[in-house]
Amino acid sequence: MRTESGPEAEVGSDPVDEDEPRLGSRAPRFIRASRPLHLSWQVGVFLVGLAVVAAGAAMLVLPGPGWVVIFAGMAIWATEFVWAQLVLRWTKRKVKEAAKKALDPGVRRRNIILTVVGGVIAAIGCGYYVWEFGFQLPWSVGS
């Protein structure tokens, strides 16, 4: 009987929830069997994930779905790296908690009231501006 040592043994000994898959590499078995091949696989996954995360970071300031692309890059990393799997689990847990909290009737009522009050204040401000300065289109200001 052969026992493993290192991170693979620690990962395998963790209790597994039925909702969450086990931690560790999801590379095919023949790739995990060869250390050099597995290392090159990890480097490739890291570089692809890095490119996707970098594109998502650029989309935070450029047009595009920045956060969605960043989480897609994290999902790519999570196919191979335990730290990315843990980050994604934590993020999913926080998103589920926020969604549950947002669906709470008291919180929804408060959010609706705040939105209506904010809209009324914005409408009053716009009305005052138009009353005070008149309605003039931006392209006819100089005329």
N, C-alpha and C. Protein backbone atom coordinates (compact mmCIF):
# COMPACT_ATOMS: atom_id res chain seq x y z
N MET A 1 0.84 -1.17 0.00
CA MET A 1 0.00 0.00 0.00
C MET A 1 0.88 1.23 0.00
N ARG A 2 0.61 2.14 -0.92
CA ARG A 2 1.43 3.34 -1.08
C ARG A 2 0.68 4.53 -0.49
N THR A 3 1.38 5.33 0.32
CA THR A 3 0.77 6.54 0.87
C THR A 3 1.43 7.74 0.25
N GLU A 4 0.62 8.75 -0.03
CA GLU A 4 1.16 9.97 -0.65
C GLU A 4 1.56 10.95 0.43
N SER A 5 2.55 11.77 0.10
CA SER A 5 2.93 12.85 1.00
C SER A 5 2.86 14.15 0.22
N GLY A 6 2.82 15.24 0.93
CA GLY A 6 2.77 16.54 0.26
C GLY A 6 1.35 17.07 0.17
N PRO A 7 1.16 18.08 -0.64
CA PRO A 7 -0.14 18.73 -0.73
C PRO A 7 -1.26 17.81 -1.24
N GLU A 8 -0.91 16.83 -2.11
CA GLU A 8 -1.94 15.95 -2.63
C GLU A 8 -2.55 15.10 -1.52
N ALA A 9 -1.73 14.67 -0.56
CA ALA A 9 -2.23 13.86 0.54
C ALA A 9 -3.13 14.70 1.45
N GLU A 10 -2.74 15.95 1.69
CA GLU A 10 -3.54 16.82 2.54
C GLU A 10 -4.88 17.12 1.90
N VAL A 11 -4.86 17.35 0.59
CA VAL A 11 -6.10 17.67 -0.12
C VAL A 11 -7.04 16.47 -0.08
N GLY A 12 -6.51 15.29 -0.28
CA GLY A 12 -7.34 14.09 -0.30
C GLY A 12 -7.93 13.75 1.05
N SER A 13 -7.33 14.20 2.15
CA SER A 13 -7.82 13.86 3.46
C SER A 13 -8.90 14.80 3.97
N ASP A 14 -9.15 15.91 3.24
CA ASP A 14 -10.19 16.84 3.66
C ASP A 14 -11.56 16.22 3.46
N PRO A 15 -12.49 16.49 4.40
CA PRO A 15 -13.85 16.01 4.17
C PRO A 15 -14.47 16.74 2.99
N VAL A 16 -15.19 16.02 2.17
CA VAL A 16 -15.75 16.60 0.94
C VAL A 16 -17.25 16.80 1.14
N ASP A 17 -17.73 18.02 0.89
CA ASP A 17 -19.16 18.28 0.89
C ASP A 17 -19.73 17.78 -0.43
N GLU A 18 -21.02 17.42 -0.41
CA GLU A 18 -21.61 16.96 -1.66
C GLU A 18 -21.80 18.10 -2.65
N ASP A 19 -21.85 19.36 -2.17
CA ASP A 19 -22.02 20.50 -3.06
C ASP A 19 -20.72 20.91 -3.74
N GLU A 20 -19.61 20.74 -3.07
CA GLU A 20 -18.33 21.24 -3.58
C GLU A 20 -17.46 20.09 -4.04
N PRO A 21 -16.88 20.21 -5.24
CA PRO A 21 -15.97 19.17 -5.71
C PRO A 21 -14.67 19.18 -4.90
N ARG A 22 -13.93 18.11 -5.00
CA ARG A 22 -12.69 18.03 -4.24
C ARG A 22 -11.68 19.04 -4.77
N LEU A 23 -10.78 19.42 -3.89
CA LEU A 23 -9.73 20.37 -4.26
C LEU A 23 -8.61 19.63 -4.98
N GLY A 24 -7.92 20.35 -5.84
CA GLY A 24 -6.76 19.78 -6.50
C GLY A 24 -6.86 19.88 -8.01
N SER A 25 -5.86 19.34 -8.65
CA SER A 25 -5.74 19.41 -10.11
C SER A 25 -6.85 18.62 -10.79
N ARG A 26 -7.37 19.20 -11.85
CA ARG A 26 -8.36 18.50 -12.66
C ARG A 26 -7.76 18.11 -14.02
N ALA A 27 -6.45 18.07 -14.05
CA ALA A 27 -5.76 17.66 -15.28
C ALA A 27 -6.03 16.17 -15.52
N PRO A 28 -6.00 15.74 -16.77
CA PRO A 28 -6.18 14.31 -17.05
C PRO A 28 -5.12 13.47 -16.33
N ARG A 29 -5.46 12.24 -16.03
CA ARG A 29 -4.60 11.36 -15.25
C ARG A 29 -3.23 11.16 -15.90
N PHE A 30 -3.19 11.03 -17.24
CA PHE A 30 -1.90 10.79 -17.90
C PHE A 30 -0.99 12.01 -17.78
N ILE A 31 -1.56 13.21 -17.65
CA ILE A 31 -0.74 14.41 -17.46
C ILE A 31 -0.22 14.46 -16.02
N ARG A 32 -1.08 14.12 -15.06
CA ARG A 32 -0.64 14.13 -13.66
C ARG A 32 0.38 13.04 -13.38
N ALA A 33 0.43 12.02 -14.20
CA ALA A 33 1.37 10.92 -13.97
C ALA A 33 2.81 11.32 -14.24
N SER A 34 3.02 12.26 -15.13
CA SER A 34 4.37 12.69 -15.48
C SER A 34 4.63 14.06 -14.87
N ARG A 35 5.61 14.16 -14.01
CA ARG A 35 5.92 15.43 -13.33
C ARG A 35 6.26 16.56 -14.30
N PRO A 36 7.14 16.35 -15.28
CA PRO A 36 7.45 17.45 -16.22
C PRO A 36 6.22 17.87 -17.04
N LEU A 37 5.44 16.88 -17.46
CA LEU A 37 4.25 17.19 -18.24
C LEU A 37 3.23 17.95 -17.39
N HIS A 38 3.07 17.54 -16.13
CA HIS A 38 2.12 18.22 -15.25
C HIS A 38 2.59 19.64 -14.95
N LEU A 39 3.87 19.83 -14.76
CA LEU A 39 4.40 21.17 -14.51
C LEU A 39 4.20 22.08 -15.71
N SER A 40 4.44 21.55 -16.92
CA SER A 40 4.21 22.37 -18.11
C SER A 40 2.72 22.64 -18.29
N TRP A 41 1.87 21.70 -17.92
CA TRP A 41 0.42 21.91 -17.96
C TRP A 41 0.03 23.04 -17.01
N GLN A 42 0.59 23.04 -15.80
CA GLN A 42 0.29 24.08 -14.83
C GLN A 42 0.76 25.45 -15.32
N VAL A 43 1.93 25.49 -15.94
CA VAL A 43 2.43 26.76 -16.48
C VAL A 43 1.49 27.26 -17.57
N GLY A 44 1.03 26.37 -18.44
CA GLY A 44 0.11 26.76 -19.51
C GLY A 44 -1.22 27.26 -18.95
N VAL A 45 -1.76 26.56 -17.97
CA VAL A 45 -3.02 26.99 -17.35
C VAL A 45 -2.83 28.34 -16.67
N PHE A 46 -1.70 28.51 -16.00
CA PHE A 46 -1.45 29.79 -15.33
C PHE A 46 -1.37 30.93 -16.33
N LEU A 47 -0.67 30.72 -17.44
CA LEU A 47 -0.51 31.78 -18.43
C LEU A 47 -1.83 32.13 -19.11
N VAL A 48 -2.64 31.12 -19.44
CA VAL A 48 -3.95 31.38 -20.04
C VAL A 48 -4.83 32.14 -19.04
N GLY A 49 -4.85 31.68 -17.79
CA GLY A 49 -5.64 32.37 -16.76
C GLY A 49 -5.16 33.79 -16.53
N LEU A 50 -3.83 33.99 -16.56
CA LEU A 50 -3.27 35.32 -16.39
C LEU A 50 -3.69 36.25 -17.52
N ALA A 51 -3.69 35.74 -18.75
CA ALA A 51 -4.11 36.55 -19.89
C ALA A 51 -5.58 36.95 -19.76
N VAL A 52 -6.42 36.03 -19.33
CA VAL A 52 -7.85 36.33 -19.18
C VAL A 52 -8.06 37.32 -18.04
N VAL A 53 -7.38 37.13 -16.91
CA VAL A 53 -7.52 38.07 -15.79
C VAL A 53 -7.00 39.45 -16.19
N ALA A 54 -5.89 39.50 -16.91
CA ALA A 54 -5.36 40.80 -17.36
C ALA A 54 -6.34 41.49 -18.31
N ALA A 55 -6.96 40.72 -19.20
CA ALA A 55 -7.97 41.30 -20.10
C ALA A 55 -9.15 41.83 -19.30
N GLY A 56 -9.56 41.10 -18.27
CA GLY A 56 -10.65 41.57 -17.42
C GLY A 56 -10.29 42.81 -16.65
N ALA A 57 -9.05 42.88 -16.17
CA ALA A 57 -8.60 44.08 -15.46
C ALA A 57 -8.58 45.28 -16.40
N ALA A 58 -8.19 45.06 -17.65
CA ALA A 58 -8.22 46.15 -18.63
C ALA A 58 -9.66 46.58 -18.90
N MET A 59 -10.58 45.62 -18.87
CA MET A 59 -11.98 45.95 -19.12
C MET A 59 -12.63 46.70 -17.97
N LEU A 60 -11.96 46.76 -16.84
CA LEU A 60 -12.50 47.57 -15.74
C LEU A 60 -12.49 49.05 -16.10
N VAL A 61 -11.51 49.46 -16.91
CA VAL A 61 -11.44 50.86 -17.32
C VAL A 61 -11.84 51.05 -18.78
N LEU A 62 -11.84 49.98 -19.55
CA LEU A 62 -12.26 50.01 -20.95
C LEU A 62 -13.66 49.40 -21.05
N PRO A 63 -14.33 49.59 -22.17
CA PRO A 63 -15.65 48.96 -22.32
C PRO A 63 -15.55 47.44 -22.29
N GLY A 64 -16.43 46.82 -21.56
CA GLY A 64 -16.45 45.37 -21.50
C GLY A 64 -16.83 44.89 -20.12
N PRO A 65 -17.17 43.62 -20.01
CA PRO A 65 -17.60 43.03 -18.73
C PRO A 65 -16.39 42.63 -17.88
N GLY A 66 -15.72 43.58 -17.27
CA GLY A 66 -14.47 43.34 -16.57
C GLY A 66 -14.54 42.28 -15.49
N TRP A 67 -15.47 42.40 -14.56
CA TRP A 67 -15.53 41.44 -13.44
C TRP A 67 -15.88 40.05 -13.92
N VAL A 68 -16.74 39.95 -14.91
CA VAL A 68 -17.11 38.63 -15.43
C VAL A 68 -15.89 37.95 -16.02
N VAL A 69 -15.08 38.69 -16.76
CA VAL A 69 -13.89 38.12 -17.38
C VAL A 69 -12.85 37.77 -16.31
N ILE A 70 -12.73 38.60 -15.28
CA ILE A 70 -11.78 38.29 -14.19
C ILE A 70 -12.18 36.99 -13.51
N PHE A 71 -13.48 36.81 -13.24
CA PHE A 71 -13.92 35.56 -12.60
C PHE A 71 -13.77 34.38 -13.54
N ALA A 72 -13.88 34.61 -14.84
CA ALA A 72 -13.63 33.53 -15.80
C ALA A 72 -12.15 33.11 -15.74
N GLY A 73 -11.25 34.07 -15.62
CA GLY A 73 -9.83 33.75 -15.46
C GLY A 73 -9.56 33.00 -14.17
N MET A 74 -10.26 33.40 -13.11
CA MET A 74 -10.11 32.67 -11.84
C MET A 74 -10.63 31.24 -11.99
N ALA A 75 -11.70 31.06 -12.74
CA ALA A 75 -12.22 29.71 -12.97
C ALA A 75 -11.22 28.87 -13.76
N ILE A 76 -10.53 29.49 -14.70
CA ILE A 76 -9.48 28.77 -15.44
C ILE A 76 -8.39 28.34 -14.48
N TRP A 77 -7.95 29.27 -13.62
CA TRP A 77 -6.93 28.91 -12.63
C TRP A 77 -7.43 27.83 -11.68
N ALA A 78 -8.72 27.85 -11.35
CA ALA A 78 -9.26 26.89 -10.39
C ALA A 78 -9.28 25.47 -10.94
N THR A 79 -9.10 25.30 -12.24
CA THR A 79 -9.02 23.94 -12.77
C THR A 79 -7.72 23.26 -12.35
N GLU A 80 -6.75 24.06 -11.89
CA GLU A 80 -5.44 23.49 -11.58
C GLU A 80 -4.91 23.86 -10.21
N PHE A 81 -5.28 25.01 -9.66
CA PHE A 81 -4.66 25.50 -8.44
C PHE A 81 -5.65 25.55 -7.28
N VAL A 82 -5.24 25.02 -6.14
CA VAL A 82 -6.11 24.95 -4.97
C VAL A 82 -6.44 26.35 -4.46
N TRP A 83 -5.48 27.26 -4.47
CA TRP A 83 -5.74 28.61 -3.96
C TRP A 83 -6.84 29.29 -4.75
N ALA A 84 -6.89 29.08 -6.07
CA ALA A 84 -7.95 29.68 -6.89
C ALA A 84 -9.29 29.00 -6.61
N GLN A 85 -9.27 27.71 -6.35
CA GLN A 85 -10.50 27.00 -6.00
C GLN A 85 -11.07 27.55 -4.69
N LEU A 86 -10.20 27.81 -3.73
CA LEU A 86 -10.66 28.35 -2.44
C LEU A 86 -11.19 29.77 -2.60
N VAL A 87 -10.54 30.58 -3.43
CA VAL A 87 -11.02 31.95 -3.68
C VAL A 87 -12.40 31.90 -4.34
N LEU A 88 -12.58 31.01 -5.32
CA LEU A 88 -13.88 30.91 -5.98
C LEU A 88 -14.96 30.40 -5.04
N ARG A 89 -14.63 29.45 -4.18
CA ARG A 89 -15.61 28.98 -3.19
C ARG A 89 -16.03 30.11 -2.26
N TRP A 90 -15.06 30.89 -1.79
CA TRP A 90 -15.36 32.02 -0.90
C TRP A 90 -16.24 33.04 -1.63
N THR A 91 -15.90 33.33 -2.89
CA THR A 91 -16.67 34.30 -3.67
C THR A 91 -18.10 33.80 -3.90
N LYS A 92 -18.25 32.54 -4.24
CA LYS A 92 -19.59 31.99 -4.44
C LYS A 92 -20.41 32.06 -3.16
N ARG A 93 -19.78 31.75 -2.04
CA ARG A 93 -20.48 31.81 -0.76
C ARG A 93 -20.93 33.23 -0.45
N LYS A 94 -20.07 34.22 -0.70
CA LYS A 94 -20.42 35.62 -0.44
C LYS A 94 -21.53 36.10 -1.37
N VAL A 95 -21.49 35.67 -2.63
CA VAL A 95 -22.53 36.07 -3.58
C VAL A 95 -23.88 35.47 -3.17
N LYS A 96 -23.86 34.21 -2.74
CA LYS A 96 -25.11 33.58 -2.29
C LYS A 96 -25.67 34.29 -1.05
N GLU A 97 -24.78 34.65 -0.13
CA GLU A 97 -25.23 35.38 1.06
C GLU A 97 -25.81 36.74 0.68
N ALA A 98 -25.17 37.45 -0.24
CA ALA A 98 -25.67 38.77 -0.67
C ALA A 98 -27.01 38.63 -1.38
N ALA A 99 -27.16 37.59 -2.20
CA ALA A 99 -28.43 37.39 -2.91
C ALA A 99 -29.54 37.07 -1.92
N LYS A 100 -29.22 36.24 -0.93
CA LYS A 100 -30.22 35.90 0.09
C LYS A 100 -30.61 37.15 0.89
N LYS A 101 -29.63 37.97 1.21
CA LYS A 101 -29.89 39.20 1.95
C LYS A 101 -30.70 40.18 1.12
N ALA A 102 -30.41 40.27 -0.18
CA ALA A 102 -31.14 41.19 -1.06
C ALA A 102 -32.59 40.78 -1.23
N LEU A 103 -32.88 39.49 -1.12
CA LEU A 103 -34.25 39.01 -1.27
C LEU A 103 -35.06 39.10 0.02
N ASP A 104 -34.41 39.50 1.11
CA ASP A 104 -35.11 39.68 2.38
C ASP A 104 -36.13 40.81 2.20
N PRO A 105 -37.40 40.60 2.58
CA PRO A 105 -38.43 41.62 2.35
C PRO A 105 -38.11 42.97 2.99
N GLY A 106 -37.55 42.97 4.19
CA GLY A 106 -37.21 44.24 4.85
C GLY A 106 -36.14 45.01 4.09
N VAL A 107 -35.14 44.30 3.61
CA VAL A 107 -34.07 44.94 2.84
C VAL A 107 -34.60 45.43 1.51
N ARG A 108 -35.44 44.64 0.85
CA ARG A 108 -36.02 45.07 -0.43
C ARG A 108 -36.85 46.33 -0.25
N ARG A 109 -37.67 46.36 0.80
CA ARG A 109 -38.51 47.53 1.06
C ARG A 109 -37.64 48.76 1.29
N ARG A 110 -36.58 48.61 2.09
CA ARG A 110 -35.67 49.73 2.34
C ARG A 110 -35.02 50.21 1.05
N ASN A 111 -34.57 49.28 0.21
CA ASN A 111 -33.93 49.65 -1.05
C ASN A 111 -34.90 50.36 -1.98
N ILE A 112 -36.13 49.91 -2.03
CA ILE A 112 -37.14 50.57 -2.87
C ILE A 112 -37.41 51.97 -2.36
N ILE A 113 -37.54 52.13 -1.06
CA ILE A 113 -37.79 53.45 -0.47
C ILE A 113 -36.62 54.39 -0.76
N LEU A 114 -35.39 53.92 -0.57
CA LEU A 114 -34.22 54.75 -0.85
C LEU A 114 -34.13 55.13 -2.33
N THR A 115 -34.47 54.21 -3.21
CA THR A 115 -34.44 54.51 -4.65
C THR A 115 -35.48 55.56 -5.00
N VAL A 116 -36.69 55.44 -4.45
CA VAL A 116 -37.74 56.41 -4.74
C VAL A 116 -37.36 57.79 -4.19
N VAL A 117 -36.85 57.83 -2.96
CA VAL A 117 -36.44 59.11 -2.36
C VAL A 117 -35.31 59.73 -3.18
N GLY A 118 -34.34 58.94 -3.59
CA GLY A 118 -33.25 59.46 -4.43
C GLY A 118 -33.76 59.98 -5.76
N GLY A 119 -34.71 59.27 -6.38
CA GLY A 119 -35.29 59.73 -7.63
C GLY A 119 -36.05 61.04 -7.47
N VAL A 120 -36.79 61.16 -6.37
CA VAL A 120 -37.53 62.40 -6.12
C VAL A 120 -36.56 63.56 -5.91
N ILE A 121 -35.49 63.34 -5.15
CA ILE A 121 -34.50 64.40 -4.92
C ILE A 121 -33.84 64.79 -6.25
N ALA A 122 -33.49 63.81 -7.09
CA ALA A 122 -32.89 64.12 -8.39
C ALA A 122 -33.86 64.90 -9.28
N ALA A 123 -35.14 64.51 -9.27
CA ALA A 123 -36.14 65.22 -10.09
C ALA A 123 -36.32 66.65 -9.60
N ILE A 124 -36.33 66.86 -8.28
CA ILE A 124 -36.45 68.21 -7.73
C ILE A 124 -35.23 69.04 -8.14
N GLY A 125 -34.04 68.45 -8.05
CA GLY A 125 -32.82 69.15 -8.45
C GLY A 125 -32.83 69.53 -9.92
N CYS A 126 -33.24 68.60 -10.78
CA CYS A 126 -33.32 68.91 -12.23
C CYS A 126 -34.38 69.97 -12.49
N GLY A 127 -35.52 69.87 -11.81
CA GLY A 127 -36.57 70.87 -11.97
C GLY A 127 -36.10 72.25 -11.55
N TYR A 128 -35.39 72.32 -10.43
CA TYR A 128 -34.86 73.62 -9.97
C TYR A 128 -33.88 74.20 -10.98
N TYR A 129 -33.00 73.35 -11.50
CA TYR A 129 -32.01 73.82 -12.48
C TYR A 129 -32.70 74.39 -13.72
N VAL A 130 -33.69 73.67 -14.23
CA VAL A 130 -34.41 74.13 -15.42
C VAL A 130 -35.17 75.42 -15.10
N TRP A 131 -35.78 75.51 -13.91
CA TRP A 131 -36.51 76.71 -13.49
C TRP A 131 -35.56 77.91 -13.41
N GLU A 132 -34.38 77.69 -12.85
CA GLU A 132 -33.43 78.79 -12.62
C GLU A 132 -32.72 79.21 -13.90
N PHE A 133 -32.24 78.24 -14.69
CA PHE A 133 -31.40 78.55 -15.84
C PHE A 133 -32.09 78.32 -17.18
N GLY A 134 -33.20 77.70 -17.17
CA GLY A 134 -33.92 77.41 -18.42
C GLY A 134 -33.36 76.17 -19.08
N PHE A 135 -34.11 75.64 -20.03
CA PHE A 135 -33.69 74.44 -20.74
C PHE A 135 -33.01 74.85 -22.02
N GLN A 136 -31.71 74.61 -22.09
CA GLN A 136 -30.94 74.96 -23.28
C GLN A 136 -30.10 73.77 -23.66
N LEU A 137 -30.17 73.38 -24.90
CA LEU A 137 -29.42 72.22 -25.38
C LEU A 137 -27.93 72.55 -25.41
N PRO A 138 -27.06 71.58 -25.11
CA PRO A 138 -25.62 71.84 -25.02
C PRO A 138 -25.01 72.36 -26.32
N TRP A 139 -25.50 71.94 -27.47
CA TRP A 139 -24.91 72.33 -28.73
C TRP A 139 -25.37 73.73 -29.18
N SER A 140 -26.31 74.33 -28.46
CA SER A 140 -26.74 75.69 -28.81
C SER A 140 -26.39 76.68 -27.72
N VAL A 141 -25.40 76.37 -26.89
CA VAL A 141 -25.02 77.26 -25.79
C VAL A 141 -24.35 78.52 -26.33
N GLY A 142 -23.49 78.41 -27.30
CA GLY A 142 -22.74 79.55 -27.82
C GLY A 142 -23.59 80.48 -28.67
N SER A 143 -24.73 80.08 -29.15
CA SER A 143 -25.55 80.89 -30.05
C SER A 143 -26.29 81.99 -29.34
